[in-house]
Amino acid sequence: MSILPNLKICEVSPRQLSNSFEIYSKHGLKPRDALHIATMLENGVSTMLSFDKDFDGVKGIERIEP
């Protein structure tokens, strides 16, 4: 039994990496944050748990504080 049964680990594709550069330059996010967003969008995930308010300006992403 998994401690986090709804957690899915995703590999990063070259397309996600490329998309993260666009997100990075458009939203001024940190590179790692931009890669998280690119990976989320490609995998159909639109909600994230985070205290980081930098994600609030990204269209298509809803940030919820845990």
N, C-alpha and C. Protein backbone atom coordinates (compact mmCIF):
# COMPACT_ATOMS: atom_id res chain seq x y z
N MET A 1 0.84 -1.18 0.00
CA MET A 1 0.00 0.00 0.00
C MET A 1 0.89 1.24 0.00
N SER A 2 0.57 2.15 -0.88
CA SER A 2 1.34 3.38 -1.02
C SER A 2 0.88 4.43 0.00
N ILE A 3 1.82 5.19 0.49
CA ILE A 3 1.49 6.27 1.42
C ILE A 3 0.74 7.38 0.68
N LEU A 4 1.10 7.61 -0.59
CA LEU A 4 0.46 8.64 -1.42
C LEU A 4 -0.13 7.97 -2.66
N PRO A 5 -1.30 7.35 -2.54
CA PRO A 5 -1.85 6.58 -3.65
C PRO A 5 -2.19 7.41 -4.89
N ASN A 6 -2.41 8.70 -4.75
CA ASN A 6 -2.76 9.54 -5.90
C ASN A 6 -1.56 10.25 -6.51
N LEU A 7 -0.37 9.95 -6.02
CA LEU A 7 0.84 10.57 -6.54
C LEU A 7 1.31 9.83 -7.78
N LYS A 8 1.55 10.58 -8.84
CA LYS A 8 2.06 9.99 -10.07
C LYS A 8 3.40 10.68 -10.39
N ILE A 9 4.44 9.89 -10.57
CA ILE A 9 5.75 10.42 -10.94
C ILE A 9 5.81 10.44 -12.46
N CYS A 10 6.08 11.59 -13.03
CA CYS A 10 6.11 11.76 -14.49
C CYS A 10 7.54 12.00 -14.97
N GLU A 11 7.88 11.36 -16.07
CA GLU A 11 9.16 11.64 -16.70
C GLU A 11 9.07 12.96 -17.44
N VAL A 12 10.20 13.62 -17.58
CA VAL A 12 10.24 14.89 -18.30
C VAL A 12 10.65 14.62 -19.75
N SER A 13 9.81 15.06 -20.67
CA SER A 13 10.07 14.87 -22.09
C SER A 13 10.80 16.09 -22.66
N PRO A 14 11.45 15.94 -23.79
CA PRO A 14 12.08 17.10 -24.44
C PRO A 14 11.06 18.21 -24.73
N ARG A 15 9.83 17.84 -25.07
CA ARG A 15 8.80 18.85 -25.33
C ARG A 15 8.47 19.63 -24.06
N GLN A 16 8.38 18.95 -22.94
CA GLN A 16 8.10 19.63 -21.68
C GLN A 16 9.23 20.60 -21.34
N LEU A 17 10.45 20.17 -21.58
CA LEU A 17 11.60 21.04 -21.31
C LEU A 17 11.53 22.29 -22.19
N SER A 18 11.21 22.09 -23.46
CA SER A 18 11.08 23.22 -24.38
C SER A 18 9.94 24.15 -23.94
N ASN A 19 8.80 23.58 -23.58
CA ASN A 19 7.67 24.38 -23.12
C ASN A 19 8.00 25.13 -21.84
N SER A 20 8.83 24.55 -21.00
CA SER A 20 9.19 25.21 -19.75
C SER A 20 9.98 26.50 -20.01
N PHE A 21 10.76 26.54 -21.09
CA PHE A 21 11.49 27.77 -21.42
C PHE A 21 10.51 28.89 -21.76
N GLU A 22 9.45 28.56 -22.48
CA GLU A 22 8.41 29.55 -22.80
C GLU A 22 7.72 30.05 -21.54
N ILE A 23 7.35 29.13 -20.68
CA ILE A 23 6.68 29.48 -19.43
C ILE A 23 7.60 30.32 -18.56
N TYR A 24 8.86 29.95 -18.50
CA TYR A 24 9.87 30.68 -17.73
C TYR A 24 9.95 32.13 -18.18
N SER A 25 10.04 32.34 -19.49
CA SER A 25 10.20 33.71 -19.99
C SER A 25 8.89 34.50 -19.91
N LYS A 26 7.77 33.84 -20.07
CA LYS A 26 6.47 34.53 -20.05
C LYS A 26 6.05 34.94 -18.64
N HIS A 27 6.28 34.05 -17.67
CA HIS A 27 5.78 34.29 -16.32
C HIS A 27 6.87 34.65 -15.32
N GLY A 28 8.13 34.59 -15.71
CA GLY A 28 9.21 34.94 -14.80
C GLY A 28 9.38 33.98 -13.64
N LEU A 29 8.95 32.73 -13.85
CA LEU A 29 9.11 31.72 -12.81
C LEU A 29 10.55 31.22 -12.75
N LYS A 30 10.89 30.58 -11.66
CA LYS A 30 12.17 29.89 -11.57
C LYS A 30 12.15 28.74 -12.57
N PRO A 31 13.29 28.35 -13.12
CA PRO A 31 13.31 27.27 -14.12
C PRO A 31 12.64 25.98 -13.63
N ARG A 32 12.88 25.60 -12.41
CA ARG A 32 12.28 24.36 -11.89
C ARG A 32 10.76 24.50 -11.81
N ASP A 33 10.28 25.67 -11.39
CA ASP A 33 8.83 25.90 -11.31
C ASP A 33 8.20 25.85 -12.70
N ALA A 34 8.88 26.44 -13.68
CA ALA A 34 8.38 26.42 -15.06
C ALA A 34 8.30 24.98 -15.58
N LEU A 35 9.26 24.16 -15.22
CA LEU A 35 9.25 22.76 -15.64
C LEU A 35 8.09 22.00 -14.97
N HIS A 36 7.82 22.31 -13.72
CA HIS A 36 6.67 21.69 -13.05
C HIS A 36 5.38 22.04 -13.78
N ILE A 37 5.22 23.31 -14.16
CA ILE A 37 4.01 23.74 -14.86
C ILE A 37 3.90 23.04 -16.22
N ALA A 38 4.99 23.01 -16.98
CA ALA A 38 4.98 22.36 -18.29
C ALA A 38 4.60 20.89 -18.16
N THR A 39 5.12 20.22 -17.16
CA THR A 39 4.82 18.80 -16.94
C THR A 39 3.37 18.62 -16.53
N MET A 40 2.88 19.50 -15.67
CA MET A 40 1.47 19.43 -15.27
C MET A 40 0.55 19.58 -16.48
N LEU A 41 0.80 20.61 -17.28
CA LEU A 41 -0.08 20.89 -18.42
C LEU A 41 -0.08 19.75 -19.42
N GLU A 42 1.07 19.15 -19.68
CA GLU A 42 1.13 18.05 -20.64
C GLU A 42 0.42 16.80 -20.12
N ASN A 43 0.32 16.68 -18.81
CA ASN A 43 -0.32 15.50 -18.21
C ASN A 43 -1.75 15.77 -17.77
N GLY A 44 -2.30 16.93 -18.16
CA GLY A 44 -3.69 17.23 -17.87
C GLY A 44 -3.98 17.57 -16.42
N VAL A 45 -2.97 18.02 -15.70
CA VAL A 45 -3.13 18.39 -14.29
C VAL A 45 -3.25 19.91 -14.22
N SER A 46 -4.29 20.39 -13.55
CA SER A 46 -4.49 21.84 -13.49
C SER A 46 -4.50 22.40 -12.07
N THR A 47 -4.40 21.54 -11.07
CA THR A 47 -4.41 21.99 -9.68
C THR A 47 -3.16 21.50 -8.97
N MET A 48 -2.55 22.39 -8.20
CA MET A 48 -1.35 22.02 -7.44
C MET A 48 -1.50 22.46 -5.99
N LEU A 49 -0.86 21.73 -5.11
CA LEU A 49 -0.76 22.12 -3.71
C LEU A 49 0.58 22.79 -3.52
N SER A 50 0.56 24.04 -3.09
CA SER A 50 1.82 24.77 -2.91
C SER A 50 1.57 26.03 -2.10
N PHE A 51 2.57 26.43 -1.34
CA PHE A 51 2.54 27.72 -0.66
C PHE A 51 3.14 28.81 -1.54
N ASP A 52 3.73 28.44 -2.67
CA ASP A 52 4.45 29.36 -3.54
C ASP A 52 3.48 30.19 -4.39
N LYS A 53 3.34 31.46 -4.05
CA LYS A 53 2.40 32.34 -4.75
C LYS A 53 2.87 32.73 -6.15
N ASP A 54 4.09 32.37 -6.51
CA ASP A 54 4.59 32.65 -7.87
C ASP A 54 3.74 31.94 -8.92
N PHE A 55 3.09 30.85 -8.55
CA PHE A 55 2.28 30.08 -9.50
C PHE A 55 0.93 30.75 -9.80
N ASP A 56 0.54 31.73 -9.01
CA ASP A 56 -0.79 32.32 -9.12
C ASP A 56 -1.07 33.00 -10.45
N GLY A 57 -0.07 33.48 -11.14
CA GLY A 57 -0.30 34.18 -12.40
C GLY A 57 -0.31 33.31 -13.63
N VAL A 58 -0.23 32.00 -13.47
CA VAL A 58 -0.14 31.10 -14.61
C VAL A 58 -1.54 30.66 -15.03
N LYS A 59 -1.91 31.02 -16.25
CA LYS A 59 -3.24 30.66 -16.77
C LYS A 59 -3.38 29.14 -16.87
N GLY A 60 -4.51 28.64 -16.42
CA GLY A 60 -4.78 27.21 -16.51
C GLY A 60 -4.32 26.42 -15.30
N ILE A 61 -3.70 27.10 -14.34
CA ILE A 61 -3.21 26.43 -13.13
C ILE A 61 -3.88 27.05 -11.92
N GLU A 62 -4.42 26.19 -11.07
CA GLU A 62 -4.99 26.63 -9.79
C GLU A 62 -4.09 26.16 -8.68
N ARG A 63 -3.68 27.09 -7.82
CA ARG A 63 -2.83 26.76 -6.68
C ARG A 63 -3.69 26.74 -5.44
N ILE A 64 -3.56 25.67 -4.67
CA ILE A 64 -4.26 25.53 -3.39
C ILE A 64 -3.22 25.36 -2.30
N GLU A 65 -3.37 26.11 -1.23
CA GLU A 65 -2.43 25.95 -0.10
C GLU A 65 -2.83 24.72 0.71
N PRO A 66 -1.84 23.89 1.02
CA PRO A 66 -2.13 22.67 1.78
C PRO A 66 -2.57 22.97 3.21
